[in-house]
Each structure stands twice: as C-alpha cells, then as structure tokens.
Amino acid sequence: MDRRDFLKNCCLLISSGVISGGLAPVGWAKTIHKDYDPAKHLYGMGIDINKCIGCGRCMQACKTENDVPSDPYYFRTWVERYVIKA
C-alpha cells in the first residue's frame, strides 16, 4: 500500500465515522426514552465564579446532585455567567 492509498483509506474511514456518528444519536434519543419530558425537570446550581478555573466539575456536580442521567444524549448542562453589581 502506498501513501496515496493509505491517505485515501483514512479519509474514507473518517468520513464514514463522522456520517454514521452524526446520525446515530438522533435515533437513540427518539427510541430509548419515550416517556421522558424535559419540561418537567428544571435544574439549577449556584457557583462562586471568583473561584472558577474552567474545569467543568460544577456541571458534573450539578448532574450528580440533581440525578440527571449520565447518558451522552443528556447534553443540556451549560454554564451561564452573570455579574451582579451591588
């Protein structure tokens, strides 16, 4: 196998992985948890931003504390930063 064939096979492998990986979670979300209603769940957690180093452990702690499933398709956890002026 020469270099050209190797690179061609790598590109095919990567592109097929991207295409199949992008389509699979959509089907999983529709078929696995039909009875889950995200409107019934409101999660929140306050964090002292002055101590933040950007590690993301607060998001994991929030999921753990509120019993959010750790499955990869529960991706609605994010960090919003507000400055409150006194």
N, C-alpha and C. Protein backbone atom coordinates (compact mmCIF):
# COMPACT_ATOMS: atom_id res chain seq x y z
N MET A 1 0.86 -1.17 0.00
CA MET A 1 0.00 0.00 0.00
C MET A 1 0.91 1.23 0.00
N ASP A 2 0.67 2.11 -0.95
CA ASP A 2 1.47 3.33 -1.00
C ASP A 2 0.80 4.44 -0.19
N ARG A 3 1.46 5.56 -0.13
CA ARG A 3 1.00 6.68 0.70
C ARG A 3 -0.37 7.19 0.24
N ARG A 4 -0.55 7.27 -1.06
CA ARG A 4 -1.81 7.78 -1.60
C ARG A 4 -2.99 6.89 -1.20
N ASP A 5 -2.83 5.59 -1.33
CA ASP A 5 -3.89 4.66 -0.93
C ASP A 5 -4.16 4.71 0.57
N PHE A 6 -3.10 4.86 1.35
CA PHE A 6 -3.26 4.95 2.79
C PHE A 6 -4.08 6.18 3.18
N LEU A 7 -3.72 7.34 2.61
CA LEU A 7 -4.46 8.57 2.92
C LEU A 7 -5.91 8.49 2.43
N LYS A 8 -6.11 7.88 1.29
CA LYS A 8 -7.46 7.72 0.75
C LYS A 8 -8.32 6.86 1.68
N ASN A 9 -7.75 5.76 2.16
CA ASN A 9 -8.49 4.90 3.08
C ASN A 9 -8.76 5.60 4.41
N CYS A 10 -7.80 6.39 4.88
CA CYS A 10 -8.02 7.14 6.13
C CYS A 10 -9.16 8.14 5.97
N CYS A 11 -9.19 8.84 4.86
CA CYS A 11 -10.27 9.81 4.62
C CYS A 11 -11.63 9.13 4.54
N LEU A 12 -11.68 7.98 3.87
CA LEU A 12 -12.94 7.24 3.79
C LEU A 12 -13.40 6.77 5.17
N LEU A 13 -12.47 6.28 5.95
CA LEU A 13 -12.80 5.80 7.29
C LEU A 13 -13.31 6.94 8.18
N ILE A 14 -12.62 8.06 8.14
CA ILE A 14 -13.02 9.21 8.97
C ILE A 14 -14.37 9.74 8.53
N SER A 15 -14.58 9.90 7.21
CA SER A 15 -15.85 10.44 6.74
C SER A 15 -17.01 9.50 7.05
N SER A 16 -16.80 8.19 6.94
CA SER A 16 -17.89 7.27 7.28
C SER A 16 -18.19 7.30 8.78
N GLY A 17 -17.17 7.49 9.60
CA GLY A 17 -17.38 7.59 11.04
C GLY A 17 -18.13 8.85 11.42
N VAL A 18 -17.81 9.96 10.74
CA VAL A 18 -18.50 11.23 11.02
C VAL A 18 -19.96 11.14 10.61
N ILE A 19 -20.22 10.57 9.45
CA ILE A 19 -21.60 10.48 8.97
C ILE A 19 -22.43 9.56 9.86
N SER A 20 -21.91 8.38 10.16
CA SER A 20 -22.68 7.45 10.99
C SER A 20 -22.78 7.93 12.43
N GLY A 21 -21.74 8.57 12.95
CA GLY A 21 -21.78 9.08 14.32
C GLY A 21 -22.73 10.24 14.47
N GLY A 22 -22.88 11.04 13.43
CA GLY A 22 -23.80 12.17 13.48
C GLY A 22 -25.26 11.76 13.40
N LEU A 23 -25.54 10.63 12.79
CA LEU A 23 -26.92 10.19 12.63
C LEU A 23 -27.41 9.31 13.77
N ALA A 24 -26.52 8.59 14.40
CA ALA A 24 -26.92 7.62 15.41
C ALA A 24 -27.60 8.24 16.64
N PRO A 25 -27.08 9.32 17.23
CA PRO A 25 -27.73 9.85 18.44
C PRO A 25 -29.16 10.31 18.21
N VAL A 26 -29.49 10.76 17.00
CA VAL A 26 -30.85 11.21 16.73
C VAL A 26 -31.82 10.05 16.90
N GLY A 27 -31.49 8.89 16.38
CA GLY A 27 -32.34 7.72 16.52
C GLY A 27 -32.42 7.24 17.96
N TRP A 28 -31.31 7.30 18.68
CA TRP A 28 -31.30 6.86 20.09
C TRP A 28 -32.24 7.72 20.92
N ALA A 29 -32.15 9.02 20.74
CA ALA A 29 -32.95 9.92 21.56
C ALA A 29 -34.45 9.70 21.34
N LYS A 30 -34.83 9.31 20.14
CA LYS A 30 -36.25 9.11 19.86
C LYS A 30 -36.76 7.76 20.33
N THR A 31 -35.89 6.76 20.42
CA THR A 31 -36.38 5.42 20.72
C THR A 31 -36.18 4.98 22.16
N ILE A 32 -35.18 5.49 22.87
CA ILE A 32 -34.86 4.95 24.18
C ILE A 32 -35.78 5.49 25.27
N HIS A 33 -35.94 6.78 25.36
CA HIS A 33 -36.70 7.38 26.46
C HIS A 33 -37.93 8.12 25.92
N LYS A 34 -38.93 7.38 25.55
CA LYS A 34 -40.14 7.99 25.01
C LYS A 34 -40.93 8.73 26.08
N ASP A 35 -40.86 8.27 27.33
CA ASP A 35 -41.66 8.87 28.40
C ASP A 35 -40.97 10.04 29.09
N TYR A 36 -39.75 10.38 28.71
CA TYR A 36 -39.03 11.48 29.36
C TYR A 36 -39.53 12.81 28.82
N ASP A 37 -39.96 13.68 29.73
CA ASP A 37 -40.44 15.00 29.35
C ASP A 37 -39.51 16.05 29.95
N PRO A 38 -38.67 16.70 29.14
CA PRO A 38 -37.72 17.68 29.68
C PRO A 38 -38.40 18.89 30.31
N ALA A 39 -39.66 19.17 29.97
CA ALA A 39 -40.36 20.31 30.55
C ALA A 39 -40.69 20.10 32.02
N LYS A 40 -40.67 18.86 32.49
CA LYS A 40 -40.97 18.56 33.89
C LYS A 40 -39.75 18.70 34.79
N HIS A 41 -38.58 18.93 34.23
CA HIS A 41 -37.35 18.97 35.01
C HIS A 41 -36.67 20.33 34.84
N LEU A 42 -36.45 21.02 35.95
CA LEU A 42 -35.72 22.28 35.95
C LEU A 42 -34.58 22.16 36.95
N TYR A 43 -33.36 22.19 36.46
CA TYR A 43 -32.19 22.04 37.32
C TYR A 43 -31.46 23.37 37.41
N GLY A 44 -30.86 23.64 38.58
CA GLY A 44 -30.08 24.85 38.75
C GLY A 44 -29.10 24.70 39.89
N MET A 45 -27.99 25.45 39.83
CA MET A 45 -26.96 25.38 40.87
C MET A 45 -26.17 26.68 40.83
N GLY A 46 -25.93 27.26 42.00
CA GLY A 46 -25.15 28.49 42.09
C GLY A 46 -23.69 28.20 42.38
N ILE A 47 -22.79 28.88 41.69
CA ILE A 47 -21.35 28.67 41.82
C ILE A 47 -20.67 30.03 42.01
N ASP A 48 -19.66 30.09 42.88
CA ASP A 48 -18.85 31.30 43.05
C ASP A 48 -17.86 31.38 41.89
N ILE A 49 -18.13 32.27 40.95
CA ILE A 49 -17.31 32.38 39.74
C ILE A 49 -15.90 32.89 40.06
N ASN A 50 -15.73 33.58 41.18
CA ASN A 50 -14.39 34.05 41.54
C ASN A 50 -13.43 32.88 41.78
N LYS A 51 -13.97 31.71 42.10
CA LYS A 51 -13.14 30.53 42.33
C LYS A 51 -13.07 29.62 41.11
N CYS A 52 -13.69 30.01 40.00
CA CYS A 52 -13.76 29.17 38.80
C CYS A 52 -12.41 29.11 38.10
N ILE A 53 -12.01 27.87 37.74
CA ILE A 53 -10.80 27.68 36.94
C ILE A 53 -11.14 27.07 35.58
N GLY A 54 -12.41 26.89 35.29
CA GLY A 54 -12.85 26.40 33.99
C GLY A 54 -12.76 24.90 33.80
N CYS A 55 -12.74 24.13 34.87
CA CYS A 55 -12.56 22.67 34.77
C CYS A 55 -13.84 21.93 34.40
N GLY A 56 -15.01 22.53 34.63
CA GLY A 56 -16.27 21.88 34.30
C GLY A 56 -16.79 20.94 35.38
N ARG A 57 -16.13 20.88 36.52
CA ARG A 57 -16.60 19.99 37.59
C ARG A 57 -17.93 20.45 38.18
N CYS A 58 -18.23 21.72 38.08
CA CYS A 58 -19.51 22.22 38.59
C CYS A 58 -20.67 21.62 37.79
N MET A 59 -20.47 21.45 36.48
CA MET A 59 -21.53 20.84 35.66
C MET A 59 -21.72 19.37 36.04
N GLN A 60 -20.63 18.66 36.29
CA GLN A 60 -20.75 17.27 36.71
C GLN A 60 -21.39 17.17 38.09
N ALA A 61 -21.03 18.07 39.01
CA ALA A 61 -21.63 18.07 40.34
C ALA A 61 -23.13 18.37 40.27
N CYS A 62 -23.51 19.28 39.38
CA CYS A 62 -24.93 19.61 39.22
C CYS A 62 -25.70 18.40 38.71
N LYS A 63 -25.15 17.70 37.73
CA LYS A 63 -25.81 16.50 37.22
C LYS A 63 -25.93 15.44 38.30
N THR A 64 -24.87 15.26 39.09
CA THR A 64 -24.88 14.26 40.15
C THR A 64 -25.90 14.61 41.23
N GLU A 65 -25.91 15.86 41.66
CA GLU A 65 -26.80 16.31 42.73
C GLU A 65 -28.27 16.20 42.33
N ASN A 66 -28.58 16.51 41.08
CA ASN A 66 -29.97 16.52 40.62
C ASN A 66 -30.39 15.23 39.93
N ASP A 67 -29.58 14.19 40.03
CA ASP A 67 -29.88 12.88 39.44
C ASP A 67 -30.20 12.95 37.95
N VAL A 68 -29.44 13.77 37.22
CA VAL A 68 -29.56 13.82 35.77
C VAL A 68 -28.84 12.59 35.22
N PRO A 69 -29.46 11.85 34.32
CA PRO A 69 -28.78 10.66 33.78
C PRO A 69 -27.45 11.02 33.13
N SER A 70 -26.47 10.15 33.27
CA SER A 70 -25.14 10.42 32.73
C SER A 70 -24.99 9.94 31.29
N ASP A 71 -26.09 9.55 30.66
CA ASP A 71 -26.03 9.12 29.27
C ASP A 71 -25.60 10.29 28.39
N PRO A 72 -24.89 10.01 27.28
CA PRO A 72 -24.34 11.09 26.47
C PRO A 72 -25.37 11.96 25.77
N TYR A 73 -26.62 11.52 25.64
CA TYR A 73 -27.59 12.35 24.94
C TYR A 73 -28.32 13.31 25.88
N TYR A 74 -27.96 13.34 27.18
CA TYR A 74 -28.46 14.39 28.09
C TYR A 74 -27.39 15.47 28.13
N PHE A 75 -27.42 16.36 27.15
CA PHE A 75 -26.36 17.34 26.97
C PHE A 75 -26.82 18.76 27.27
N ARG A 76 -27.89 18.92 28.02
CA ARG A 76 -28.45 20.25 28.26
C ARG A 76 -27.79 20.98 29.43
N THR A 77 -26.64 20.52 29.90
CA THR A 77 -25.96 21.18 31.00
C THR A 77 -25.00 22.22 30.44
N TRP A 78 -25.10 23.46 30.91
CA TRP A 78 -24.20 24.51 30.46
C TRP A 78 -23.98 25.47 31.60
N VAL A 79 -23.05 26.39 31.41
CA VAL A 79 -22.71 27.37 32.44
C VAL A 79 -23.06 28.75 31.90
N GLU A 80 -23.86 29.48 32.66
CA GLU A 80 -24.16 30.88 32.33
C GLU A 80 -23.52 31.74 33.40
N ARG A 81 -22.86 32.80 32.98
CA ARG A 81 -22.17 33.67 33.93
C ARG A 81 -22.85 35.03 33.96
N TYR A 82 -23.17 35.47 35.16
CA TYR A 82 -23.80 36.76 35.37
C TYR A 82 -22.96 37.57 36.34
N VAL A 83 -22.88 38.87 36.11
CA VAL A 83 -22.21 39.77 37.05
C VAL A 83 -23.29 40.58 37.74
N ILE A 84 -23.36 40.45 39.06
CA ILE A 84 -24.35 41.19 39.83
C ILE A 84 -23.65 42.38 40.48
N LYS A 85 -24.06 43.58 40.09
CA LYS A 85 -23.45 44.79 40.63
C LYS A 85 -24.28 45.30 41.79
N ALA A 86 -23.62 45.56 42.89
CA ALA A 86 -24.33 46.00 44.09
C ALA A 86 -24.53 47.49 44.10
